[in-house]
Amino acid sequence: MSLPGILVRNWRLKSISLALATLLWVTMQLRDEADTGRRDLPDVEVRVENEDSTWRAFGQPAPATVSIGVQGTFGDLLRAALARPVVVIPVDSVPGEDSVFQLEPDWVQNLDQDRVAIDGFNPSTVRLRFERNTSEPVPVSYRTIGAVPDSLAMTGELQVNPLFAQVEGPPSLVDGMETVFLEPFDLGALTGPGRFDVAMDTAGLGDVSVRPPTAVLTVNVATRGRRELAPLPVELPTGAGELEATPASVVVILNGAEPLLAEADTTALRVLAVMDAETVGNRLDEAAEVRAQLVVEGVSPDSWLEWTIEVDSVTVRRR
């Protein structure tokens, strides 16, 4: 059937239906505008908007919800109930640690007060607690993740600047803070030495502000290298006069940053056999030889160098 046919088919019934629908809509609108009433909007949330930087709100408002009485047409009252209004208390200047505020209609948000009128709150006052902010210098600490790439080696400790951050907030949060951490720094992403801006990690600090928001982390690295030393004699412990080690000398290899390798003083290096002479002597009564582990002494942990030996143990026999 064509479109004109569809439109004219049963046109009388369609005209009557349209007229009835229009009449019903007009009737509801007239009733909506004519009939007014009042209702309470329960469990309206109370919030605080504190603009006084010297104080911080502490805990929840008491009470945390109130009831609002509103007047208007039935339709507007229904829309008000569905609007989920909220009371936001503006605080420009904190009067004291424990303060009571008389609620005002202007503090109600998400409610069309051109259509409904607020005639009261229950309860009409809300108690707020505040803490005066305190400011303290707190040490800044860095954290690292990952490992320096194999092509690089550290030449010194990481350095952070500034050493202290100014932490401001309620005494209940600031007092007892031992350090402020930086966001973890990924050593694996290094391509060379540098100074990097790293953000303060404020997650979980709550109503605490930290200044400055970032710190500079200086990372000292250089190209990794190796330095092979001339063979060093293997030293046996005191009391091992009748014992000898094979091999009698070993090659020590230092690994680390090339600048540190070049300037390293190796005159204090010693290769020691880790053993107890008496115990080894007793074991040699039953066997022709025993193995003893080797260690290198004289490499300071502060040197940022590592050592390896061409062999990790020696054979010990009687002469």
Protein backbone atom coordinates (compact mmCIF):
# COMPACT_ATOMS: atom_id res chain seq x y z
CA MET A 1 0.00 0.00 0.00
CA SER A 2 1.29 3.50 -0.85
CA LEU A 3 2.21 6.09 1.81
CA PRO A 4 -0.83 8.31 1.06
CA GLY A 5 -3.02 5.22 1.46
CA ILE A 6 -1.55 4.44 4.84
CA LEU A 7 -2.16 8.00 6.02
CA VAL A 8 -5.82 8.17 4.96
CA ARG A 9 -6.75 4.67 6.06
CA ASN A 10 -8.96 4.84 9.20
CA TRP A 11 -8.34 8.55 9.27
CA ARG A 12 -11.29 9.21 11.55
CA LEU A 13 -9.93 6.90 14.27
CA LYS A 14 -6.47 8.39 13.95
CA SER A 15 -7.83 11.94 14.24
CA ILE A 16 -9.81 11.01 17.36
CA SER A 17 -6.71 9.37 18.96
CA LEU A 18 -4.58 12.43 18.30
CA ALA A 19 -7.23 14.73 19.77
CA LEU A 20 -7.55 12.62 22.92
CA ALA A 21 -3.76 12.49 23.39
CA THR A 22 -3.52 16.27 23.01
CA LEU A 23 -6.35 16.79 25.50
CA LEU A 24 -4.70 14.48 28.04
CA TRP A 25 -1.37 16.30 27.71
CA VAL A 26 -2.97 19.71 28.16
CA THR A 27 -4.93 18.45 31.16
CA MET A 28 -1.79 17.12 32.85
CA GLN A 29 0.07 20.35 32.19
CA LEU A 30 -2.74 22.41 33.68
CA ARG A 31 -2.88 20.15 36.71
CA ASP A 32 0.90 20.21 37.04
CA GLU A 33 0.90 24.00 37.15
CA ALA A 34 -2.17 24.35 39.32
CA ASP A 35 -1.57 21.71 42.02
CA THR A 36 1.26 22.48 44.44
CA GLY A 37 2.49 20.63 47.45
CA ARG A 38 5.43 19.98 49.78
CA ARG A 39 7.74 17.07 50.33
CA ASP A 40 10.97 16.25 52.15
CA LEU A 41 14.03 15.16 50.21
CA PRO A 42 15.80 12.73 52.58
CA ASP A 43 19.46 11.68 52.79
CA VAL A 44 20.89 14.70 50.96
CA GLU A 45 24.70 14.51 51.11
CA VAL A 46 26.63 17.29 52.86
CA ARG A 47 30.02 18.28 51.48
CA VAL A 48 32.64 20.88 52.42
CA GLU A 49 34.39 23.28 50.04
CA ASN A 50 37.22 24.71 52.13
CA GLU A 51 39.04 27.72 50.65
CA ASP A 52 41.04 28.51 53.80
CA SER A 53 44.52 27.14 53.03
CA THR A 54 45.62 27.38 56.67
CA TRP A 55 43.08 24.74 57.74
CA ARG A 56 41.99 21.32 56.53
CA ALA A 57 38.62 19.70 57.11
CA PHE A 58 38.99 16.73 59.43
CA GLY A 59 36.61 13.78 59.34
CA GLN A 60 33.05 13.80 58.00
CA PRO A 61 30.41 16.51 58.50
CA ALA A 62 28.06 15.78 61.41
CA PRO A 63 25.57 14.81 60.23
CA ALA A 64 26.80 13.63 56.83
CA THR A 65 23.27 13.86 55.34
CA VAL A 66 20.26 16.10 55.95
CA SER A 67 16.66 16.32 54.84
CA ILE A 68 15.52 19.26 52.70
CA GLY A 69 11.92 20.51 52.66
CA VAL A 70 10.80 21.80 49.25
CA GLN A 71 7.57 23.25 47.86
CA GLY A 72 6.37 23.29 44.27
CA THR A 73 4.09 21.68 41.76
CA PHE A 74 3.78 17.92 41.81
CA GLY A 75 5.82 17.64 38.64
CA ASP A 76 8.59 19.89 39.94
CA LEU A 77 8.67 18.01 43.24
CA LEU A 78 9.11 14.76 41.35
CA ARG A 79 11.91 16.24 39.28
CA ALA A 80 13.55 17.60 42.45
CA ALA A 81 13.55 14.15 44.03
CA LEU A 82 15.18 12.66 40.94
CA ALA A 83 17.82 15.41 40.70
CA ARG A 84 19.94 14.02 43.59
CA PRO A 85 20.69 17.40 45.19
CA VAL A 86 23.71 17.98 47.41
CA VAL A 87 24.54 20.57 50.08
CA VAL A 88 28.00 22.13 49.63
CA ILE A 89 29.13 24.27 52.57
CA PRO A 90 31.53 27.01 51.37
CA VAL A 91 34.19 27.88 53.94
CA ASP A 92 36.19 31.00 53.11
CA SER A 93 37.59 31.44 56.61
CA VAL A 94 37.58 28.74 59.27
CA PRO A 95 36.18 30.12 62.54
CA GLY A 96 37.73 27.39 64.70
CA GLU A 97 38.60 23.76 65.14
CA ASP A 98 35.01 22.80 65.99
CA SER A 99 32.53 24.94 64.03
CA VAL A 100 28.76 24.85 63.51
CA PHE A 101 27.25 26.15 60.27
CA GLN A 102 23.61 27.18 59.72
CA LEU A 103 22.54 25.68 56.40
CA GLU A 104 21.40 28.05 53.67
CA PRO A 105 19.33 27.40 50.53
CA ASP A 106 22.05 28.93 48.35
CA TRP A 107 24.34 26.04 49.32
CA VAL A 108 22.08 23.46 47.66
CA GLN A 109 23.30 22.29 44.26
CA ASN A 110 21.65 20.16 41.55
CA LEU A 111 18.24 21.64 42.41
CA ASP A 112 16.29 24.09 40.22
CA GLN A 113 15.28 26.66 42.80
CA ASP A 114 13.44 28.63 40.14
CA ARG A 115 10.88 25.81 40.11
CA VAL A 116 10.87 24.72 43.76
CA ALA A 117 11.29 26.65 47.00
CA ILE A 118 13.34 25.36 49.96
CA ASP A 119 11.48 25.89 53.20
CA GLY A 120 13.91 24.27 55.63
CA PHE A 121 16.56 21.73 56.57
CA ASN A 122 16.45 18.96 59.12
CA PRO A 123 18.67 19.33 61.01
CA SER A 124 19.28 22.99 60.22
CA THR A 125 22.93 23.01 61.34
CA VAL A 126 26.02 20.93 60.57
CA ARG A 127 29.14 20.60 62.71
CA LEU A 128 32.53 20.57 60.95
CA ARG A 129 35.91 19.78 62.44
CA PHE A 130 39.13 21.34 61.19
CA GLU A 131 42.84 20.95 61.83
CA ARG A 132 45.24 23.83 61.40
CA ASN A 133 47.86 22.93 58.82
CA THR A 134 51.47 22.49 59.79
CA SER A 135 54.50 22.64 57.52
CA GLU A 136 57.65 20.56 58.02
CA PRO A 137 60.78 19.77 55.96
CA VAL A 138 60.94 16.03 55.25
CA PRO A 139 63.85 14.14 53.63
CA VAL A 140 63.39 13.07 50.00
CA SER A 141 64.27 9.47 49.08
CA TYR A 142 64.55 7.85 45.67
CA ARG A 143 63.56 4.35 44.59
CA THR A 144 64.76 2.41 41.55
CA ILE A 145 63.40 -0.43 39.49
CA GLY A 146 65.15 -2.50 36.85
CA ALA A 147 68.91 -2.82 36.33
CA VAL A 148 71.45 -0.69 34.52
CA PRO A 149 71.88 -1.98 30.92
CA ASP A 150 74.85 -4.33 30.41
CA SER A 151 76.64 -1.73 28.29
CA LEU A 152 76.75 0.74 31.20
CA ALA A 153 78.05 0.76 34.77
CA MET A 154 77.49 3.05 37.73
CA THR A 155 80.22 5.50 38.69
CA GLY A 156 78.67 6.65 41.95
CA GLU A 157 75.57 6.96 44.09
CA LEU A 158 72.40 8.48 42.70
CA GLN A 159 71.93 12.03 43.97
CA VAL A 160 68.61 13.78 44.62
CA ASN A 161 68.04 17.53 44.77
CA PRO A 162 66.51 18.98 46.87
CA LEU A 163 67.37 16.83 49.85
CA PHE A 164 64.23 17.98 51.67
CA ALA A 165 60.65 18.69 50.59
CA GLN A 166 58.26 21.01 52.39
CA VAL A 167 55.26 18.97 53.50
CA GLU A 168 52.09 20.76 54.56
CA GLY A 169 48.94 19.30 56.04
CA PRO A 170 47.17 18.35 59.26
CA PRO A 171 49.47 17.43 62.15
CA SER A 172 47.81 14.01 62.32
CA LEU A 173 49.26 13.26 58.86
CA VAL A 174 52.47 15.33 58.79
CA ASP A 175 53.84 14.45 62.23
CA GLY A 176 55.89 11.29 62.08
CA MET A 177 56.53 11.38 58.31
CA GLU A 178 60.09 10.10 57.96
CA THR A 179 60.55 10.58 54.22
CA VAL A 180 58.87 11.53 50.95
CA PHE A 181 59.55 9.09 48.12
CA LEU A 182 60.01 9.90 44.48
CA GLU A 183 58.18 7.89 41.86
CA PRO A 184 60.25 4.75 41.07
CA PHE A 185 63.02 5.46 38.53
CA ASP A 186 63.66 2.82 35.87
CA LEU A 187 67.41 2.17 35.59
CA GLY A 188 66.78 -0.15 32.66
CA ALA A 189 65.75 2.81 30.49
CA LEU A 190 69.12 4.56 30.83
CA THR A 191 71.14 5.31 27.72
CA GLY A 192 73.77 7.37 29.51
CA PRO A 193 74.33 9.70 32.47
CA GLY A 194 71.90 12.52 33.10
CA ARG A 195 69.74 14.63 35.38
CA PHE A 196 66.11 13.59 35.42
CA ASP A 197 63.00 15.33 36.79
CA VAL A 198 61.12 12.79 38.88
CA ALA A 199 57.71 13.46 40.46
CA MET A 200 57.10 13.14 44.18
CA ASP A 201 55.02 10.07 45.00
CA THR A 202 52.01 11.55 46.80
CA ALA A 203 49.77 8.50 46.44
CA GLY A 204 48.17 7.67 49.76
CA LEU A 205 49.21 10.91 51.47
CA GLY A 206 45.63 12.19 51.66
CA ASP A 207 45.21 15.89 52.46
CA VAL A 208 48.94 16.57 52.36
CA SER A 209 50.66 18.83 49.87
CA VAL A 210 54.32 18.45 48.91
CA ARG A 211 56.51 21.20 47.50
CA PRO A 212 58.25 21.14 45.13
CA PRO A 213 56.21 18.60 43.13
CA THR A 214 59.36 17.17 41.48
CA ALA A 215 63.01 16.62 42.29
CA VAL A 216 66.11 16.23 40.14
CA LEU A 217 67.72 12.80 40.22
CA THR A 218 71.32 12.73 39.00
CA VAL A 219 72.42 9.35 37.65
CA ASN A 220 76.13 8.80 37.07
CA VAL A 221 76.96 6.02 34.62
CA ALA A 222 79.63 5.38 31.99
CA THR A 223 80.47 2.76 29.41
CA ARG A 224 81.18 -0.62 31.00
CA GLY A 225 84.63 -2.12 30.50
CA ARG A 226 87.02 -4.73 31.90
CA ARG A 227 90.62 -4.59 33.10
CA GLU A 228 92.69 -7.75 33.25
CA LEU A 229 95.45 -7.60 35.86
CA ALA A 230 98.78 -9.38 35.92
CA PRO A 231 98.63 -12.76 37.74
CA LEU A 232 98.43 -12.41 41.51
CA PRO A 233 99.79 -15.05 43.91
CA VAL A 234 97.29 -17.20 45.79
CA GLU A 235 97.77 -16.67 49.52
CA LEU A 236 97.12 -19.52 51.95
CA PRO A 237 96.07 -18.84 55.54
CA THR A 238 98.46 -18.76 58.49
CA GLY A 239 99.55 -22.21 59.56
CA ALA A 240 99.57 -23.66 56.04
CA GLY A 241 103.35 -23.65 55.68
CA GLU A 242 103.54 -27.26 54.43
CA LEU A 243 100.73 -26.70 51.94
CA GLU A 244 100.82 -25.32 48.40
CA ALA A 245 98.16 -24.20 45.93
CA THR A 246 97.86 -25.07 42.26
CA PRO A 247 97.78 -22.83 40.35
CA ALA A 248 100.03 -20.67 42.48
CA SER A 249 98.84 -17.47 40.85
CA VAL A 250 95.63 -16.42 39.07
CA VAL A 251 94.42 -13.60 36.85
CA VAL A 252 91.96 -11.15 38.39
CA ILE A 253 89.60 -9.21 36.14
CA LEU A 254 88.01 -5.97 37.26
CA ASN A 255 84.68 -4.94 35.74
CA GLY A 256 82.98 -1.57 35.88
CA ALA A 257 82.86 1.90 34.39
CA GLU A 258 85.83 2.60 32.15
CA PRO A 259 86.88 5.85 33.91
CA LEU A 260 86.98 4.05 37.26
CA LEU A 261 88.94 1.13 35.82
CA ALA A 262 91.57 3.47 34.42
CA GLU A 263 92.23 5.16 37.76
CA ALA A 264 91.80 2.13 40.05
CA ASP A 265 94.68 1.46 42.45
CA THR A 266 95.26 -2.31 42.36
CA THR A 267 98.33 -2.45 44.61
CA ALA A 268 96.22 -3.55 47.60
CA LEU A 269 94.54 -6.46 45.81
CA ARG A 270 95.09 -9.94 47.29
CA VAL A 271 93.80 -13.36 46.27
CA LEU A 272 93.02 -15.54 49.28
CA ALA A 273 92.20 -19.24 49.54
CA VAL A 274 89.19 -19.63 51.83
CA MET A 275 90.16 -22.54 54.07
CA ASP A 276 91.11 -23.58 57.56
CA ALA A 277 94.67 -24.88 57.54
CA GLU A 278 94.10 -27.46 60.31
CA THR A 279 90.93 -28.79 58.71
CA VAL A 280 92.59 -29.04 55.30
CA GLY A 281 95.56 -30.81 56.89
CA ASN A 282 93.27 -33.42 58.45
CA ARG A 283 91.50 -33.96 55.13
CA LEU A 284 94.85 -34.41 53.37
CA ASP A 285 95.55 -37.31 55.72
CA GLU A 286 92.79 -39.12 53.87
CA ALA A 287 93.08 -37.61 50.37
CA ALA A 288 95.91 -36.43 48.16
CA GLU A 289 94.36 -33.05 47.49
CA VAL A 290 91.42 -30.77 48.36
CA ARG A 291 89.79 -27.80 46.64
CA ALA A 292 89.64 -24.32 48.21
CA GLN A 293 87.52 -21.39 47.04
CA LEU A 294 89.19 -18.08 46.11
CA VAL A 295 88.19 -14.54 47.04
CA VAL A 296 89.67 -11.16 46.24
CA GLU A 297 90.34 -8.61 48.95
CA GLY A 298 91.22 -4.97 48.52
CA VAL A 299 88.34 -3.95 46.25
CA SER A 300 86.35 -1.37 48.17
CA PRO A 301 82.55 -1.45 47.82
CA ASP A 302 82.76 2.31 47.31
CA SER A 303 84.88 1.81 44.20
CA TRP A 304 81.84 0.65 42.15
CA LEU A 305 84.05 -2.08 40.67
CA GLU A 306 83.44 -5.81 40.61
CA TRP A 307 85.99 -8.59 40.42
CA THR A 308 86.10 -12.00 38.81
CA ILE A 309 88.85 -14.62 38.77
CA GLU A 310 89.80 -16.83 35.83
CA VAL A 311 89.34 -19.81 38.18
CA ASP A 312 87.14 -19.81 41.27
CA SER A 313 89.14 -22.40 43.25
CA VAL A 314 92.58 -23.99 43.57
CA THR A 315 93.92 -27.43 44.40
CA VAL A 316 95.72 -27.67 47.75
CA ARG A 317 98.36 -30.36 48.39
CA ARG A 318 101.19 -31.02 50.75
CA ARG A 319 104.59 -30.05 49.46
